[in-house]
Protein backbone atom coordinates (compact mmCIF):
# COMPACT_ATOMS: atom_id res chain seq x y z
CA MET A 1 37.19 -1.68 -2.44
CA SER A 2 40.79 -1.40 -1.55
CA GLU A 3 42.65 -4.61 -1.74
CA SER A 4 40.57 -7.62 -2.65
CA THR A 5 40.69 -11.37 -2.72
CA ILE A 6 39.06 -13.43 -5.49
CA THR A 7 37.22 -16.63 -4.59
CA LYS A 8 35.95 -18.74 -7.60
CA ILE A 9 32.20 -19.45 -7.22
CA ILE A 10 31.37 -20.87 -10.66
CA ASP A 11 34.05 -22.70 -12.73
CA GLU A 12 34.61 -22.54 -16.47
CA SER A 13 33.14 -26.00 -17.10
CA GLU A 14 29.84 -25.16 -15.33
CA ILE A 15 29.60 -22.00 -17.31
CA GLU A 16 30.32 -23.91 -20.52
CA GLN A 17 27.60 -26.46 -19.86
CA ARG A 18 25.03 -23.96 -18.80
CA VAL A 19 25.61 -21.86 -21.95
CA LYS A 20 25.25 -24.92 -24.08
CA THR A 21 21.86 -25.74 -22.40
CA LEU A 22 20.67 -22.19 -22.83
CA ALA A 23 21.65 -22.29 -26.54
CA ASP A 24 19.80 -25.53 -26.97
CA GLU A 25 16.61 -24.15 -25.38
CA ILE A 26 16.68 -20.95 -27.49
CA SER A 27 17.46 -22.91 -30.62
CA ASN A 28 14.50 -25.29 -30.02
CA GLU A 29 12.10 -22.43 -29.23
CA TYR A 30 13.06 -20.21 -32.12
CA GLN A 31 13.66 -22.79 -34.87
CA ASN A 32 10.58 -21.75 -36.83
CA ASN A 33 9.86 -18.31 -35.41
CA GLY A 34 11.32 -15.92 -38.01
CA GLU A 35 14.19 -13.51 -37.57
CA LEU A 36 16.06 -13.58 -34.26
CA VAL A 37 18.18 -10.78 -32.98
CA LEU A 38 20.57 -11.13 -30.02
CA VAL A 39 21.12 -7.71 -28.23
CA GLY A 40 24.23 -7.74 -26.24
CA VAL A 41 24.52 -5.21 -23.30
CA LEU A 42 27.94 -3.85 -23.35
CA LYS A 43 30.47 -4.31 -21.91
CA GLY A 44 29.57 -7.12 -19.50
CA ALA A 45 27.66 -9.43 -21.80
CA PHE A 46 30.16 -9.67 -24.72
CA ILE A 47 31.65 -13.04 -23.59
CA LEU A 48 28.25 -14.58 -22.87
CA LEU A 49 26.95 -13.25 -26.23
CA ALA A 50 29.88 -14.65 -28.19
CA ASP A 51 29.76 -18.12 -26.58
CA LEU A 52 25.93 -18.29 -26.77
CA SER A 53 25.71 -17.18 -30.39
CA ARG A 54 28.33 -19.70 -31.45
CA ARG A 55 26.32 -22.55 -29.89
CA LEU A 56 23.02 -21.64 -31.47
CA SER A 57 21.85 -23.91 -34.22
CA ILE A 58 19.49 -21.44 -35.77
CA ALA A 59 20.06 -18.29 -37.83
CA HIS A 60 20.26 -15.11 -35.95
CA THR A 61 21.86 -11.73 -36.02
CA ILE A 62 23.71 -9.69 -33.39
CA ASP A 63 23.56 -6.14 -32.33
CA PHE A 64 24.79 -4.25 -29.22
CA ILE A 65 23.52 -1.60 -26.87
CA ALA A 66 25.40 0.23 -24.01
CA LEU A 67 23.82 1.47 -20.91
CA SER A 68 25.26 2.84 -17.55
CA SER A 69 24.01 3.26 -14.17
CA TYR A 70 27.39 3.58 -12.39
CA ASP A 71 28.93 6.96 -11.73
CA GLN A 72 31.59 5.53 -9.51
CA LYS A 73 33.46 2.14 -9.67
CA ASP A 74 31.04 0.24 -7.36
CA GLU A 75 28.01 2.56 -6.66
CA SER A 76 24.95 2.90 -8.78
CA SER A 77 23.86 6.45 -9.54
CA GLY A 78 20.33 5.32 -9.51
CA GLN A 79 19.87 6.64 -13.14
CA VAL A 80 20.17 4.68 -16.26
CA ARG A 81 21.47 6.30 -19.38
CA LEU A 82 21.82 5.22 -22.93
CA VAL A 83 25.60 5.32 -23.79
CA MET A 84 25.31 3.63 -27.26
CA ASP A 85 22.17 2.70 -29.25
CA MET A 86 21.72 -0.43 -31.47
CA ARG A 87 22.37 -0.02 -35.21
CA GLU A 88 19.46 -1.95 -36.58
CA ALA A 89 15.67 -1.64 -36.27
CA ILE A 90 13.98 -4.45 -34.34
CA ALA A 91 10.38 -3.81 -35.32
CA GLY A 92 8.68 -7.15 -36.17
CA LYS A 93 11.75 -9.30 -35.12
CA HIS A 94 12.21 -11.63 -32.20
CA VAL A 95 14.67 -10.21 -29.72
CA ILE A 96 16.63 -11.62 -26.96
CA VAL A 97 18.47 -9.26 -24.72
CA VAL A 98 21.66 -10.84 -23.51
CA GLU A 99 22.77 -9.27 -20.18
CA ASP A 100 25.64 -10.11 -17.78
CA ILE A 101 23.97 -9.57 -14.37
CA ILE A 102 20.73 -8.58 -12.64
CA ASP A 103 21.29 -6.69 -9.41
CA THR A 104 18.47 -4.36 -8.66
CA GLY A 105 16.83 -4.89 -12.04
CA ARG A 106 16.82 -1.20 -12.83
CA THR A 107 18.99 -1.35 -15.93
CA LEU A 108 17.09 -4.24 -17.51
CA HIS A 109 13.78 -2.78 -16.66
CA TYR A 110 14.81 0.48 -18.49
CA LEU A 111 16.14 -1.52 -21.46
CA ILE A 112 12.95 -3.57 -21.76
CA ASP A 113 10.78 -0.50 -21.84
CA LEU A 114 13.03 1.10 -24.41
CA LEU A 115 13.03 -1.89 -26.77
CA ASN A 116 9.36 -2.67 -26.31
CA SER A 117 8.70 0.93 -27.64
CA ARG A 118 10.48 -0.20 -30.90
CA HIS A 119 7.74 -2.95 -31.43
CA PRO A 120 9.63 -6.21 -31.67
CA ALA A 121 7.62 -9.27 -32.51
CA SER A 122 8.70 -10.65 -29.11
CA LEU A 123 11.17 -9.53 -26.44
CA ARG A 124 12.86 -12.02 -24.06
CA THR A 125 15.88 -12.00 -21.76
CA CYS A 126 18.96 -14.09 -21.27
CA VAL A 127 20.93 -13.29 -18.12
CA LEU A 128 24.28 -14.90 -17.02
CA VAL A 129 23.76 -14.24 -13.27
CA ARG A 130 21.05 -13.01 -10.97
CA LYS A 131 21.89 -11.86 -7.41
CA GLU A 132 19.87 -13.42 -4.74
CA ARG A 133 18.27 -10.21 -3.27
CA ASP A 134 15.20 -8.08 -3.33
CA GLN A 135 15.19 -6.40 -6.63
CA THR A 136 13.92 -2.85 -7.09
CA HIS A 137 12.26 -3.84 -10.39
CA SER A 138 10.83 -7.30 -10.72
CA ILE A 139 11.97 -8.63 -14.08
CA GLU A 140 11.00 -11.98 -15.64
CA ILE A 141 14.21 -13.69 -16.95
CA ASP A 142 13.46 -16.12 -19.71
CA TYR A 143 16.92 -17.77 -19.88
CA LEU A 144 19.07 -17.70 -16.59
CA GLY A 145 22.49 -18.96 -16.14
CA PHE A 146 22.96 -18.89 -12.44
CA ASP A 147 21.55 -17.40 -9.20
CA ILE A 148 24.45 -16.14 -7.12
CA PRO A 149 24.93 -14.60 -3.61
CA ASP A 150 24.49 -10.85 -3.18
CA LYS A 151 28.29 -10.08 -3.52
CA TRP A 152 30.44 -8.33 -6.07
CA VAL A 153 31.42 -10.87 -8.74
CA VAL A 154 33.97 -10.65 -11.51
CA GLY A 155 34.93 -12.84 -14.57
CA TYR A 156 33.29 -14.02 -17.78
CA GLY A 157 32.51 -10.45 -18.74
CA LEU A 158 31.76 -9.10 -15.25
CA ASP A 159 34.28 -6.49 -13.92
CA TYR A 160 35.37 -4.32 -11.12
CA ASP A 161 36.79 -1.06 -12.46
CA GLU A 162 37.45 -2.70 -15.78
CA LYS A 163 39.59 -5.50 -14.02
CA HIS A 164 39.07 -9.25 -13.98
CA ARG A 165 36.56 -9.20 -16.93
CA THR A 166 38.35 -11.84 -18.86
CA LEU A 167 38.65 -14.48 -16.11
CA PRO A 168 37.20 -17.80 -17.56
CA HIS A 169 35.13 -18.31 -14.35
CA ILE A 170 32.96 -16.26 -12.10
CA ALA A 171 34.57 -15.21 -8.85
CA GLN A 172 33.42 -13.29 -5.78
CA LEU A 173 35.43 -10.19 -4.95
CA ASP A 174 35.90 -9.77 -1.30
CA ASP A 175 37.42 -6.72 0.49
CA SER A 176 40.47 -7.54 2.52
CA GLU A 177 40.64 -4.34 4.40
């Protein structure tokens, strides 16, 4: 992408309300379920994870994992690699993976397989946005923020070449070539 324009598609108040709703759903479902661990996928999910965890009304812990499937700024390599592993064991614990975006589903599919091999009591997913497209790997998303068009988006943790990640809203990035 050379020069780009940014068009807001989900404003800050919509995100805030949706995150509150997701937190309420999770709090209700896990209030008597034992130990809950939120696993944030870095870097994109850090804002969602922070806002979601502050709104939960139940005890929980937080851990992080980092994966990569992008060799270049905007092209997937097709291979997922573990960049940074979690610090704590999850065996016997209830785990919710917090992810910023589902595009092809490849990264989340890889992560679910990896975490299931560690024997959590349960493993669920919370995703900020899912692109409306055919996904290479069909993944059930337990807690979904928004469905969006199949366009490059930035803001609220999502980036393009490490830019626009801290916008308080979600915006579509359009080429202006």
